[in-house]
Amino acid sequence: MEPTRDCPLFGGAFSAILPTGAIDVSDLRPVPDNQEVFCHPVTDQSLIVELLELQAHVRGEAAARYHFEDVGGVQGARAVHVESVQPLSLENLALRGCCQEAWVLSGKQQIAKENQQP
């Protein structure tokens, strides 16, 4: 297993455990304020953490799917596949006093990288 490090996100509001070699893409090019983007130096895989606006018309698991599919559509994804959607226990969240529910969606999107054809 690859060594990992604790990486602060969004100015330290929360953090993620990433491989030690993960590259912060904002060191290479501009990244929107609502995103944290990392790439793996060998596999060419990316991890994007994106803060999204509340959509009152969808809730729970449907909200996680809605945002994942919406981001894929905006990015021109050729394929969007949801692998799993699981609720997070609120007592384990740093933001537990600010939210009523939390979900984690794991999935894959086939999207062309910057300046490439799909």
PDB file of N, CA and C in Angstrom:
ATOM      1  N   MET A   1       0.838  -1.182   0.000  1.00  0.00           N
ATOM      2  CA  MET A   1       0.000   0.000   0.000  1.00  0.00           C
ATOM      3  C   MET A   1       0.884   1.246   0.000  1.00  0.00           C
ATOM      4  N   GLU A   2       0.488   2.229  -0.759  1.00  0.00           N
ATOM      5  CA  GLU A   2       1.248   3.467  -0.897  1.00  0.00           C
ATOM      6  C   GLU A   2       1.174   4.298   0.393  1.00  0.00           C
ATOM      7  N   PRO A   3       2.285   4.923   0.808  1.00  0.00           N
ATOM      8  CA  PRO A   3       2.247   5.788   2.006  1.00  0.00           C
ATOM      9  C   PRO A   3       1.280   6.954   1.797  1.00  0.00           C
ATOM     10  N   THR A   4       0.686   7.431   2.895  1.00  0.00           N
ATOM     11  CA  THR A   4      -0.299   8.506   2.808  1.00  0.00           C
ATOM     12  C   THR A   4       0.088   9.680   3.705  1.00  0.00           C
ATOM     13  N   ARG A   5      -0.620  10.796   3.491  1.00  0.00           N
ATOM     14  CA  ARG A   5      -0.430  11.984   4.327  1.00  0.00           C
ATOM     15  C   ARG A   5      -1.785  12.647   4.520  1.00  0.00           C
ATOM     16  N   ASP A   6      -1.932  13.342   5.628  1.00  0.00           N
ATOM     17  CA  ASP A   6      -3.132  14.108   5.899  1.00  0.00           C
ATOM     18  C   ASP A   6      -2.999  15.435   5.165  1.00  0.00           C
ATOM     19  N   CYS A   7      -3.970  15.757   4.331  1.00  0.00           N
ATOM     20  CA  CYS A   7      -3.884  16.956   3.500  1.00  0.00           C
ATOM     21  C   CYS A   7      -5.041  17.898   3.827  1.00  0.00           C
ATOM     22  N   PRO A   8      -4.749  19.114   4.319  1.00  0.00           N
ATOM     23  CA  PRO A   8      -5.825  20.071   4.602  1.00  0.00           C
ATOM     24  C   PRO A   8      -6.486  20.535   3.299  1.00  0.00           C
ATOM     25  N   LEU A   9      -7.807  20.722   3.352  1.00  0.00           N
ATOM     26  CA  LEU A   9      -8.569  21.171   2.194  1.00  0.00           C
ATOM     27  C   LEU A   9      -9.291  22.470   2.529  1.00  0.00           C
ATOM     28  N   PHE A  10      -9.449  23.313   1.538  1.00  0.00           N
ATOM     29  CA  PHE A  10     -10.179  24.567   1.671  1.00  0.00           C
ATOM     30  C   PHE A  10      -9.701  25.372   2.875  1.00  0.00           C
ATOM     31  N   GLY A  11      -8.408  25.609   2.922  1.00  0.00           N
ATOM     32  CA  GLY A  11      -7.814  26.417   3.982  1.00  0.00           C
ATOM     33  C   GLY A  11      -7.852  25.773   5.347  1.00  0.00           C
ATOM     34  N   GLY A  12      -7.968  24.448   5.397  1.00  0.00           N
ATOM     35  CA  GLY A  12      -7.971  23.732   6.666  1.00  0.00           C
ATOM     36  C   GLY A  12      -9.357  23.484   7.238  1.00  0.00           C
ATOM     37  N   ALA A  13     -10.431  23.795   6.478  1.00  0.00           N
ATOM     38  CA  ALA A  13     -11.797  23.560   6.966  1.00  0.00           C
ATOM     39  C   ALA A  13     -12.034  22.076   7.241  1.00  0.00           C
ATOM     40  N   PHE A  14     -11.426  21.218   6.442  1.00  0.00           N
ATOM     41  CA  PHE A  14     -11.415  19.781   6.689  1.00  0.00           C
ATOM     42  C   PHE A  14     -10.226  19.192   5.956  1.00  0.00           C
ATOM     43  N   SER A  15     -10.036  17.890   6.035  1.00  0.00           N
ATOM     44  CA  SER A  15      -8.857  17.291   5.430  1.00  0.00           C
ATOM     45  C   SER A  15      -9.196  15.949   4.808  1.00  0.00           C
ATOM     46  N   ALA A  16      -8.251  15.454   4.024  1.00  0.00           N
ATOM     47  CA  ALA A  16      -8.382  14.142   3.382  1.00  0.00           C
ATOM     48  C   ALA A  16      -7.046  13.431   3.499  1.00  0.00           C
ATOM     49  N   ILE A  17      -7.098  12.119   3.490  1.00  0.00           N
ATOM     50  CA  ILE A  17      -5.876  11.315   3.494  1.00  0.00           C
ATOM     51  C   ILE A  17      -5.565  10.961   2.050  1.00  0.00           C
ATOM     52  N   LEU A  18      -4.416  11.420   1.571  1.00  0.00           N
ATOM     53  CA  LEU A  18      -4.008  11.232   0.181  1.00  0.00           C
ATOM     54  C   LEU A  18      -2.662  10.527   0.111  1.00  0.00           C
ATOM     55  N   PRO A  19      -2.367   9.886  -1.027  1.00  0.00           N
ATOM     56  CA  PRO A  19      -1.031   9.315  -1.193  1.00  0.00           C
ATOM     57  C   PRO A  19       0.031  10.410  -1.061  1.00  0.00           C
ATOM     58  N   THR A  20       1.162  10.069  -0.486  1.00  0.00           N
ATOM     59  CA  THR A  20       2.235  11.044  -0.264  1.00  0.00           C
ATOM     60  C   THR A  20       2.630  11.764  -1.546  1.00  0.00           C
ATOM     61  N   GLY A  21       2.627  11.064  -2.671  1.00  0.00           N
ATOM     62  CA  GLY A  21       3.051  11.653  -3.933  1.00  0.00           C
ATOM     63  C   GLY A  21       1.986  12.446  -4.665  1.00  0.00           C
ATOM     64  N   ALA A  22       0.777  12.555  -4.107  1.00  0.00           N
ATOM     65  CA  ALA A  22      -0.294  13.289  -4.788  1.00  0.00           C
ATOM     66  C   ALA A  22       0.139  14.732  -5.031  1.00  0.00           C
ATOM     67  N   ILE A  23      -0.101  15.199  -6.229  1.00  0.00           N
ATOM     68  CA  ILE A  23       0.300  16.548  -6.626  1.00  0.00           C
ATOM     69  C   ILE A  23      -0.905  17.479  -6.533  1.00  0.00           C
ATOM     70  N   ASP A  24      -0.738  18.601  -5.851  1.00  0.00           N
ATOM     71  CA  ASP A  24      -1.783  19.619  -5.768  1.00  0.00           C
ATOM     72  C   ASP A  24      -1.786  20.366  -7.103  1.00  0.00           C
ATOM     73  N   VAL A  25      -2.842  20.189  -7.881  1.00  0.00           N
ATOM     74  CA  VAL A  25      -2.914  20.767  -9.225  1.00  0.00           C
ATOM     75  C   VAL A  25      -2.890  22.288  -9.184  1.00  0.00           C
ATOM     76  N   SER A  26      -3.322  22.896  -8.066  1.00  0.00           N
ATOM     77  CA  SER A  26      -3.299  24.368  -7.984  1.00  0.00           C
ATOM     78  C   SER A  26      -1.874  24.914  -7.998  1.00  0.00           C
ATOM     79  N   ASP A  27      -0.880  24.048  -7.771  1.00  0.00           N
ATOM     80  CA  ASP A  27       0.520  24.471  -7.908  1.00  0.00           C
ATOM     81  C   ASP A  27       0.932  24.544  -9.378  1.00  0.00           C
ATOM     82  N   LEU A  28       0.109  23.961 -10.271  1.00  0.00           N
ATOM     83  CA  LEU A  28       0.447  23.885 -11.690  1.00  0.00           C
ATOM     84  C   LEU A  28      -0.408  24.781 -12.575  1.00  0.00           C
ATOM     85  N   ARG A  29      -1.668  24.976 -12.178  1.00  0.00           N
ATOM     86  CA  ARG A  29      -2.598  25.782 -12.971  1.00  0.00           C
ATOM     87  C   ARG A  29      -3.704  26.297 -12.056  1.00  0.00           C
ATOM     88  N   PRO A  30      -4.453  27.305 -12.519  1.00  0.00           N
ATOM     89  CA  PRO A  30      -5.550  27.819 -11.694  1.00  0.00           C
ATOM     90  C   PRO A  30      -6.626  26.756 -11.466  1.00  0.00           C
ATOM     91  N   VAL A  31      -7.146  26.714 -10.250  1.00  0.00           N
ATOM     92  CA  VAL A  31      -8.230  25.807  -9.864  1.00  0.00           C
ATOM     93  C   VAL A  31      -9.311  26.678  -9.219  1.00  0.00           C
ATOM     94  N   PRO A  32     -10.586  26.468  -9.578  1.00  0.00           N
ATOM     95  CA  PRO A  32     -11.657  27.283  -8.975  1.00  0.00           C
ATOM     96  C   PRO A  32     -11.643  27.193  -7.444  1.00  0.00           C
ATOM     97  N   ASP A  33     -12.099  28.257  -6.781  1.00  0.00           N
ATOM     98  CA  ASP A  33     -12.104  28.311  -5.315  1.00  0.00           C
ATOM     99  C   ASP A  33     -12.940  27.213  -4.671  1.00  0.00           C
ATOM    100  N   ASN A  34     -13.935  26.699  -5.391  1.00  0.00           N
ATOM    101  CA  ASN A  34     -14.795  25.663  -4.816  1.00  0.00           C
ATOM    102  C   ASN A  34     -14.257  24.247  -5.067  1.00  0.00           C
ATOM    103  N   GLN A  35     -13.017  24.141  -5.571  1.00  0.00           N
ATOM    104  CA  GLN A  35     -12.421  22.839  -5.850  1.00  0.00           C
ATOM    105  C   GLN A  35     -11.050  22.685  -5.211  1.00  0.00           C
ATOM    106  N   GLU A  36     -10.739  21.449  -4.870  1.00  0.00           N
ATOM    107  CA  GLU A  36      -9.385  21.016  -4.539  1.00  0.00           C
ATOM    108  C   GLU A  36      -9.103  19.876  -5.513  1.00  0.00           C
ATOM    109  N   VAL A  37      -8.006  19.965  -6.243  1.00  0.00           N
ATOM    110  CA  VAL A  37      -7.713  18.979  -7.278  1.00  0.00           C
ATOM    111  C   VAL A  37      -6.312  18.420  -7.054  1.00  0.00           C
ATOM    112  N   PHE A  38      -6.230  17.093  -7.070  1.00  0.00           N
ATOM    113  CA  PHE A  38      -4.952  16.399  -6.900  1.00  0.00           C
ATOM    114  C   PHE A  38      -4.807  15.370  -8.008  1.00  0.00           C
ATOM    115  N   CYS A  39      -3.584  15.111  -8.419  1.00  0.00           N
ATOM    116  CA  CYS A  39      -3.351  14.069  -9.409  1.00  0.00           C
ATOM    117  C   CYS A  39      -2.222  13.169  -8.941  1.00  0.00           C
ATOM    118  N   HIS A  40      -2.252  11.951  -9.424  1.00  0.00           N
ATOM    119  CA  HIS A  40      -1.228  10.971  -9.087  1.00  0.00           C
ATOM    120  C   HIS A  40      -0.144  11.062 -10.151  1.00  0.00           C
ATOM    121  N   PRO A  41       1.124  11.145  -9.767  1.00  0.00           N
ATOM    122  CA  PRO A  41       2.197  11.367 -10.739  1.00  0.00           C
ATOM    123  C   PRO A  41       2.458  10.188 -11.679  1.00  0.00           C
ATOM    124  N   VAL A  42       2.008   8.996 -11.334  1.00  0.00           N
ATOM    125  CA  VAL A  42       2.292   7.821 -12.150  1.00  0.00           C
ATOM    126  C   VAL A  42       1.063   7.333 -12.914  1.00  0.00           C
ATOM    127  N   THR A  43      -0.085   7.277 -12.236  1.00  0.00           N
ATOM    128  CA  THR A  43      -1.272   6.664 -12.842  1.00  0.00           C
ATOM    129  C   THR A  43      -2.085   7.622 -13.700  1.00  0.00           C
ATOM    130  N   ASP A  44      -1.837   8.924 -13.623  1.00  0.00           N
ATOM    131  CA  ASP A  44      -2.597   9.935 -14.352  1.00  0.00           C
ATOM    132  C   ASP A  44      -4.051  10.010 -13.878  1.00  0.00           C
ATOM    133  N   GLN A  45      -4.336   9.521 -12.671  1.00  0.00           N
ATOM    134  CA  GLN A  45      -5.665   9.629 -12.091  1.00  0.00           C
ATOM    135  C   GLN A  45      -5.768  10.933 -11.309  1.00  0.00           C
ATOM    136  N   SER A  46      -6.989  11.463 -11.230  1.00  0.00           N
ATOM    137  CA  SER A  46      -7.228  12.715 -10.510  1.00  0.00           C
ATOM    138  C   SER A  46      -8.265  12.508  -9.424  1.00  0.00           C
ATOM    139  N   LEU A  47      -8.139  13.303  -8.368  1.00  0.00           N
ATOM    140  CA  LEU A  47      -9.141  13.375  -7.319  1.00  0.00           C
ATOM    141  C   LEU A  47      -9.577  14.832  -7.244  1.00  0.00           C
ATOM    142  N   ILE A  48     -10.880  15.054  -7.372  1.00  0.00           N
ATOM    143  CA  ILE A  48     -11.420  16.405  -7.302  1.00  0.00           C
ATOM    144  C   ILE A  48     -12.430  16.449  -6.157  1.00  0.00           C
ATOM    145  N   VAL A  49     -12.196  17.355  -5.208  1.00  0.00           N
ATOM    146  CA  VAL A  49     -13.141  17.598  -4.128  1.00  0.00           C
ATOM    147  C   VAL A  49     -13.786  18.939  -4.456  1.00  0.00           C
ATOM    148  N   GLU A  50     -15.109  18.920  -4.594  1.00  0.00           N
ATOM    149  CA  GLU A  50     -15.803  20.118  -5.036  1.00  0.00           C
ATOM    150  C   GLU A  50     -16.933  20.460  -4.070  1.00  0.00           C
ATOM    151  N   LEU A  51     -16.965  21.716  -3.627  1.00  0.00           N
ATOM    152  CA  LEU A  51     -18.072  22.213  -2.808  1.00  0.00           C
ATOM    153  C   LEU A  51     -19.170  22.677  -3.752  1.00  0.00           C
ATOM    154  N   LEU A  52     -20.390  22.178  -3.520  1.00  0.00           N
ATOM    155  CA  LEU A  52     -21.508  22.469  -4.405  1.00  0.00           C
ATOM    156  C   LEU A  52     -22.630  23.165  -3.659  1.00  0.00           C
ATOM    157  N   GLU A  53     -23.425  23.902  -4.393  1.00  0.00           N
ATOM    158  CA  GLU A  53     -24.542  24.638  -3.813  1.00  0.00           C
ATOM    159  C   GLU A  53     -25.717  23.710  -3.524  1.00  0.00           C
ATOM    160  N   LEU A  54     -26.362  23.921  -2.379  1.00  0.00           N
ATOM    161  CA  LEU A  54     -27.537  23.148  -2.005  1.00  0.00           C
ATOM    162  C   LEU A  54     -28.610  23.269  -3.080  1.00  0.00           C
ATOM    163  N   GLN A  55     -29.177  22.143  -3.458  1.00  0.00           N
ATOM    164  CA  GLN A  55     -30.301  22.090  -4.395  1.00  0.00           C
ATOM    165  C   GLN A  55     -31.506  21.560  -3.618  1.00  0.00           C
ATOM    166  N   ALA A  56     -32.440  22.435  -3.275  1.00  0.00           N
ATOM    167  CA  ALA A  56     -33.552  22.080  -2.391  1.00  0.00           C
ATOM    168  C   ALA A  56     -34.487  21.031  -2.987  1.00  0.00           C
ATOM    169  N   HIS A  57     -34.472  20.861  -4.293  1.00  0.00           N
ATOM    170  CA  HIS A  57     -35.397  19.916  -4.923  1.00  0.00           C
ATOM    171  C   HIS A  57     -34.916  18.461  -4.861  1.00  0.00           C
ATOM    172  N   VAL A  58     -33.713  18.217  -4.383  1.00  0.00           N
ATOM    173  CA  VAL A  58     -33.226  16.841  -4.206  1.00  0.00           C
ATOM    174  C   VAL A  58     -32.634  16.696  -2.814  1.00  0.00           C
ATOM    175  N   ARG A  59     -32.833  15.531  -2.208  1.00  0.00           N
ATOM    176  CA  ARG A  59     -32.334  15.311  -0.849  1.00  0.00           C
ATOM    177  C   ARG A  59     -31.737  13.915  -0.762  1.00  0.00           C
ATOM    178  N   GLY A  60     -30.925  13.723   0.274  1.00  0.00           N
ATOM    179  CA  GLY A  60     -30.370  12.406   0.570  1.00  0.00           C
ATOM    180  C   GLY A  60     -29.519  11.843  -0.541  1.00  0.00           C
ATOM    181  N   GLU A  61     -29.665  10.534  -0.748  1.00  0.00           N
ATOM    182  CA  GLU A  61     -28.885   9.837  -1.772  1.00  0.00           C
ATOM    183  C   GLU A  61     -29.110  10.447  -3.157  1.00  0.00           C
ATOM    184  N   ALA A  62     -30.343  10.877  -3.426  1.00  0.00           N
ATOM    185  CA  ALA A  62     -30.656  11.482  -4.722  1.00  0.00           C
ATOM    186  C   ALA A  62     -29.851  12.763  -4.946  1.00  0.00           C
ATOM    187  N   ALA A  63     -29.574  13.515  -3.890  1.00  0.00           N
ATOM    188  CA  ALA A  63     -28.781  14.739  -4.013  1.00  0.00           C
ATOM    189  C   ALA A  63     -27.340  14.414  -4.389  1.00  0.00           C
ATOM    190  N   ALA A  64     -26.771  13.370  -3.783  1.00  0.00           N
ATOM    191  CA  ALA A  64     -25.404  12.972  -4.125  1.00  0.00           C
ATOM    192  C   ALA A  64     -25.320  12.591  -5.599  1.00  0.00           C
ATOM    193  N   ARG A  65     -26.278  11.810  -6.060  1.00  0.00           N
ATOM    194  CA  ARG A  65     -26.305  11.395  -7.469  1.00  0.00           C
ATOM    195  C   ARG A  65     -26.519  12.603  -8.395  1.00  0.00           C
ATOM    196  N   TYR A  66     -27.427  13.492  -8.003  1.00  0.00           N
ATOM    197  CA  TYR A  66     -27.721  14.672  -8.810  1.00  0.00           C
ATOM    198  C   TYR A  66     -26.446  15.489  -9.054  1.00  0.00           C
ATOM    199  N   HIS A  67     -25.720  15.782  -7.984  1.00  0.00           N
ATOM    200  CA  HIS A  67     -24.512  16.607  -8.121  1.00  0.00           C
ATOM    201  C   HIS A  67     -23.435  15.898  -8.936  1.00  0.00           C
ATOM    202  N   PHE A  68     -23.251  14.611  -8.709  1.00  0.00           N
ATOM    203  CA  PHE A  68     -22.242  13.849  -9.445  1.00  0.00           C
ATOM    204  C   PHE A  68     -22.564  13.863 -10.949  1.00  0.00           C
ATOM    205  N   GLU A  69     -23.804  13.615 -11.278  1.00  0.00           N
ATOM    206  CA  GLU A  69     -24.207  13.595 -12.685  1.00  0.00           C
ATOM    207  C   GLU A  69     -24.180  14.997 -13.294  1.00  0.00           C
ATOM    208  N   ASP A  70     -24.538  16.014 -12.506  1.00  0.00           N
ATOM    209  CA  ASP A  70     -24.504  17.392 -12.987  1.00  0.00           C
ATOM    210  C   ASP A  70     -23.081  17.827 -13.313  1.00  0.00           C
ATOM    211  N   VAL A  71     -22.155  17.526 -12.419  1.00  0.00           N
ATOM    212  CA  VAL A  71     -20.752  17.879 -12.666  1.00  0.00           C
ATOM    213  C   VAL A  71     -20.258  17.167 -13.926  1.00  0.00           C
ATOM    214  N   GLY A  72     -20.610  15.906 -14.087  1.00  0.00           N
ATOM    215  CA  GLY A  72     -20.223  15.176 -15.291  1.00  0.00           C
ATOM    216  C   GLY A  72     -20.788  15.813 -16.548  1.00  0.00           C
ATOM    217  N   GLY A  73     -22.043  16.239 -16.487  1.00  0.00           N
ATOM    218  CA  GLY A  73     -22.661  16.887 -17.641  1.00  0.00           C
ATOM    219  C   GLY A  73     -21.999  18.204 -17.992  1.00  0.00           C
ATOM    220  N   VAL A  74     -21.710  19.010 -16.979  1.00  0.00           N
ATOM    221  CA  VAL A  74     -21.053  20.299 -17.203  1.00  0.00           C
ATOM    222  C   VAL A  74     -19.664  20.106 -17.811  1.00  0.00           C
ATOM    223  N   GLN A  75     -18.987  19.043 -17.406  1.00  0.00           N
ATOM    224  CA  GLN A  75     -17.630  18.767 -17.899  1.00  0.00           C
ATOM    225  C   GLN A  75     -17.619  18.000 -19.221  1.00  0.00           C
ATOM    226  N   GLY A  76     -18.788  17.643 -19.725  1.00  0.00           N
ATOM    227  CA  GLY A  76     -18.866  16.918 -20.991  1.00  0.00           C
ATOM    228  C   GLY A  76     -18.447  15.461 -20.881  1.00  0.00           C
ATOM    229  N   ALA A  77     -18.780  14.822 -19.780  1.00  0.00           N
ATOM    230  CA  ALA A  77     -18.390  13.427 -19.566  1.00  0.00           C
ATOM    231  C   ALA A  77     -18.990  12.522 -20.632  1.00  0.00           C
ATOM    232  N   ARG A  78     -18.174  11.607 -21.148  1.00  0.00           N
ATOM    233  CA  ARG A  78     -18.670  10.593 -22.089  1.00  0.00           C
ATOM    234  C   ARG A  78     -19.350   9.469 -21.334  1.00  0.00           C
ATOM    235  N   ALA A  79     -18.932   9.235 -20.102  1.00  0.00           N
ATOM    236  CA  ALA A  79     -19.524   8.181 -19.285  1.00  0.00           C
ATOM    237  C   ALA A  79     -19.535   8.639 -17.831  1.00  0.00           C
ATOM    238  N   VAL A  80     -20.632   8.340 -17.131  1.00  0.00           N
ATOM    239  CA  VAL A  80     -20.769   8.632 -15.705  1.00  0.00           C
ATOM    240  C   VAL A  80     -21.295   7.358 -15.044  1.00  0.00           C
ATOM    241  N   HIS A  81     -20.545   6.839 -14.083  1.00  0.00           N
ATOM    242  CA  HIS A  81     -20.943   5.593 -13.432  1.00  0.00           C
ATOM    243  C   HIS A  81     -20.846   5.753 -11.916  1.00  0.00           C
ATOM    244  N   VAL A  82     -21.978   5.591 -11.230  1.00  0.00           N
ATOM    245  CA  VAL A  82     -22.014   5.633  -9.769  1.00  0.00           C
ATOM    246  C   VAL A  82     -21.742   4.223  -9.259  1.00  0.00           C
ATOM    247  N   GLU A  83     -20.704   4.073  -8.433  1.00  0.00           N
ATOM    248  CA  GLU A  83     -20.379   2.763  -7.878  1.00  0.00           C
ATOM    249  C   GLU A  83     -21.098   2.518  -6.558  1.00  0.00           C
ATOM    250  N   SER A  84     -21.176   3.546  -5.702  1.00  0.00           N
ATOM    251  CA  SER A  84     -21.889   3.400  -4.437  1.00  0.00           C
ATOM    252  C   SER A  84     -22.231   4.770  -3.872  1.00  0.00           C
ATOM    253  N   VAL A  85     -23.276   4.799  -3.063  1.00  0.00           N
ATOM    254  CA  VAL A  85     -23.671   6.001  -2.318  1.00  0.00           C
ATOM    255  C   VAL A  85     -23.983   5.529  -0.904  1.00  0.00           C
ATOM    256  N   GLN A  86     -23.268   6.085   0.077  1.00  0.00           N
ATOM    257  CA  GLN A  86     -23.421   5.651   1.463  1.00  0.00           C
ATOM    258  C   GLN A  86     -23.614   6.861   2.373  1.00  0.00           C
ATOM    259  N   PRO A  87     -24.501   6.746   3.362  1.00  0.00           N
ATOM    260  CA  PRO A  87     -24.639   7.832   4.337  1.00  0.00           C
ATOM    261  C   PRO A  87     -23.432   7.856   5.273  1.00  0.00           C
ATOM    262  N   LEU A  88     -23.056   9.050   5.709  1.00  0.00           N
ATOM    263  CA  LEU A  88     -21.994   9.206   6.703  1.00  0.00           C
ATOM    264  C   LEU A  88     -22.628   9.445   8.060  1.00  0.00           C
ATOM    265  N   SER A  89     -22.042   8.884   9.073  1.00  0.00           N
ATOM    266  CA  SER A  89     -22.524   9.076  10.431  1.00  0.00           C
ATOM    267  C   SER A  89     -22.210  10.510  10.876  1.00  0.00           C
ATOM    268  N   LEU A  90     -23.227  11.253  11.262  1.00  0.00           N
ATOM    269  CA  LEU A  90     -23.032  12.659  11.622  1.00  0.00           C
ATOM    270  C   LEU A  90     -22.101  12.833  12.819  1.00  0.00           C
ATOM    271  N   GLU A  91     -22.091  11.889  13.754  1.00  0.00           N
ATOM    272  CA  GLU A  91     -21.215  12.038  14.918  1.00  0.00           C
ATOM    273  C   GLU A  91     -19.733  11.967  14.545  1.00  0.00           C
ATOM    274  N   ASN A  92     -19.418  11.496  13.343  1.00  0.00           N
ATOM    275  CA  ASN A  92     -18.024  11.437  12.891  1.00  0.00           C
ATOM    276  C   ASN A  92     -17.619  12.646  12.057  1.00  0.00           C
ATOM    277  N   LEU A  93     -18.508  13.606  11.886  1.00  0.00           N
ATOM    278  CA  LEU A  93     -18.232  14.768  11.045  1.00  0.00           C
ATOM    279  C   LEU A  93     -17.834  15.980  11.865  1.00  0.00           C
ATOM    280  N   ALA A  94     -16.857  16.708  11.391  1.00  0.00           N
ATOM    281  CA  ALA A  94     -16.481  17.962  12.028  1.00  0.00           C
ATOM    282  C   ALA A  94     -17.600  18.994  11.861  1.00  0.00           C
ATOM    283  N   LEU A  95     -18.382  18.877  10.797  1.00  0.00           N
ATOM    284  CA  LEU A  95     -19.463  19.825  10.501  1.00  0.00           C
ATOM    285  C   LEU A  95     -20.815  19.349  11.015  1.00  0.00           C
ATOM    286  N   ARG A  96     -20.836  18.440  11.979  1.00  0.00           N
ATOM    287  CA  ARG A  96     -22.099  17.829  12.433  1.00  0.00           C
ATOM    288  C   ARG A  96     -23.112  18.856  12.939  1.00  0.00           C
ATOM    289  N   GLY A  97     -22.670  19.975  13.471  1.00  0.00           N
ATOM    290  CA  GLY A  97     -23.608  20.992  13.946  1.00  0.00           C
ATOM    291  C   GLY A  97     -24.196  21.826  12.822  1.00  0.00           C
ATOM    292  N   CYS A  98     -23.666  21.683  11.616  1.00  0.00           N
ATOM    293  CA  CYS A  98     -24.087  22.504  10.480  1.00  0.00           C
ATOM    294  C   CYS A  98     -24.932  21.759   9.452  1.00  0.00           C
ATOM    295  N   CYS A  99     -25.017  20.439   9.557  1.00  0.00           N
ATOM    296  CA  CYS A  99     -25.756  19.703   8.532  1.00  0.00           C
ATOM    297  C   CYS A  99     -26.656  18.640   9.161  1.00  0.00           C
ATOM    298  N   GLN A 100     -27.682  18.292   8.427  1.00  0.00           N
ATOM    299  CA  GLN A 100     -28.630  17.282   8.892  1.00  0.00           C
ATOM    300  C   GLN A 100     -28.312  15.898   8.347  1.00  0.00           C
ATOM    301  N   GLU A 101     -27.574  15.842   7.247  1.00  0.00           N
ATOM    302  CA  GLU A 101     -27.187  14.567   6.658  1.00  0.00           C
ATOM    303  C   GLU A 101     -25.936  14.768   5.817  1.00  0.00           C
ATOM    304  N   ALA A 102     -25.230  13.672   5.592  1.00  0.00           N
ATOM    305  CA  ALA A 102     -24.021  13.712   4.764  1.00  0.00           C
ATOM    306  C   ALA A 102     -23.915  12.385   4.028  1.00  0.00           C
ATOM    307  N   TRP A 103     -23.460  12.462   2.793  1.00  0.00           N
ATOM    308  CA  TRP A 103     -23.358  11.283   1.940  1.00  0.00           C
ATOM    309  C   TRP A 103     -22.004  11.264   1.254  1.00  0.00           C
ATOM    310  N   VAL A 104     -21.524  10.088   0.970  1.00  0.00           N
ATOM    311  CA  VAL A 104     -20.311   9.952   0.163  1.00  0.00           C
ATOM    312  C   VAL A 104     -20.670   9.101  -1.047  1.00  0.00           C
ATOM    313  N   LEU A 105     -20.359   9.636  -2.211  1.00  0.00           N
ATOM    314  CA  LEU A 105     -20.603   8.928  -3.464  1.00  0.00           C
ATOM    315  C   LEU A 105     -19.256   8.549  -4.051  1.00  0.00           C
ATOM    316  N   SER A 106     -19.152   7.337  -4.485  1.00  0.00           N
ATOM    317  CA  SER A 106     -17.956   6.865  -5.164  1.00  0.00           C
ATOM    318  C   SER A 106     -18.353   6.494  -6.584  1.00  0.00           C
ATOM    319  N   GLY A 107     -17.648   7.040  -7.551  1.00  0.00           N
ATOM    320  CA  GLY A 107     -17.993   6.758  -8.938  1.00  0.00           C
ATOM    321  C   GLY A 107     -16.878   7.155  -9.876  1.00  0.00           C
ATOM    322  N   LYS A 108     -17.127   6.941 -11.138  1.00  0.00           N
ATOM    323  CA  LYS A 108     -16.146   7.265 -12.174  1.00  0.00           C
ATOM    324  C   LYS A 108     -16.823   8.059 -13.274  1.00  0.00           C
ATOM    325  N   GLN A 109     -16.060   9.005 -13.811  1.00  0.00           N
ATOM    326  CA  GLN A 109     -16.517   9.784 -14.951  1.00  0.00           C
ATOM    327  C   GLN A 109     -15.403   9.775 -15.991  1.00  0.00           C
ATOM    328  N   GLN A 110     -15.778   9.597 -17.236  1.00  0.00           N
ATOM    329  CA  GLN A 110     -14.797   9.645 -18.315  1.00  0.00           C
ATOM    330  C   GLN A 110     -14.889  11.027 -18.943  1.00  0.00           C
ATOM    331  N   ILE A 111     -13.880  11.866 -18.617  1.00  0.00           N
ATOM    332  CA  ILE A 111     -13.877  13.262 -19.036  1.00  0.00           C
ATOM    333  C   ILE A 111     -12.509  13.578 -19.628  1.00  0.00           C
ATOM    334  N   ALA A 112     -12.506  14.335 -20.717  1.00  0.00           N
ATOM    335  CA  ALA A 112     -11.251  14.762 -21.312  1.00  0.00           C
ATOM    336  C   ALA A 112     -10.564  15.752 -20.387  1.00  0.00           C
ATOM    337  N   LYS A 113      -9.263  15.610 -20.240  1.00  0.00           N
ATOM    338  CA  LYS A 113      -8.515  16.583 -19.446  1.00  0.00           C
ATOM    339  C   LYS A 113      -8.376  17.877 -20.225  1.00  0.00           C
ATOM    340  N   GLU A 114      -7.948  18.913 -19.527  1.00  0.00           N
ATOM    341  CA  GLU A 114      -7.806  20.234 -20.127  1.00  0.00           C
ATOM    342  C   GLU A 114      -7.045  20.169 -21.452  1.00  0.00           C
ATOM    343  N   ASN A 115      -7.586  20.845 -22.475  1.00  0.00           N
ATOM    344  CA  ASN A 115      -6.989  20.944 -23.808  1.00  0.00           C
ATOM    345  C   ASN A 115      -6.917  19.617 -24.557  1.00  0.00           C
ATOM    346  N   GLN A 116      -7.719  18.627 -24.175  1.00  0.00           N
ATOM    347  CA  GLN A 116      -7.755  17.357 -24.902  1.00  0.00           C
ATOM    348  C   GLN A 116      -9.161  17.109 -25.424  1.00  0.00           C
ATOM    349  N   GLN A 117      -9.259  16.335 -26.490  1.00  0.00           N
ATOM    350  CA  GLN A 117     -10.560  15.936 -27.019  1.00  0.00           C
ATOM    351  C   GLN A 117     -11.140  14.832 -26.138  1.00  0.00           C
ATOM    352  N   PRO A 118     -12.471  14.753 -26.030  1.00  0.00           N
ATOM    353  CA  PRO A 118     -13.084  13.682 -25.244  1.00  0.00           C
ATOM    354  C   PRO A 118     -12.714  12.296 -25.778  1.00  0.00           C
TER     355      PRO A 118
END
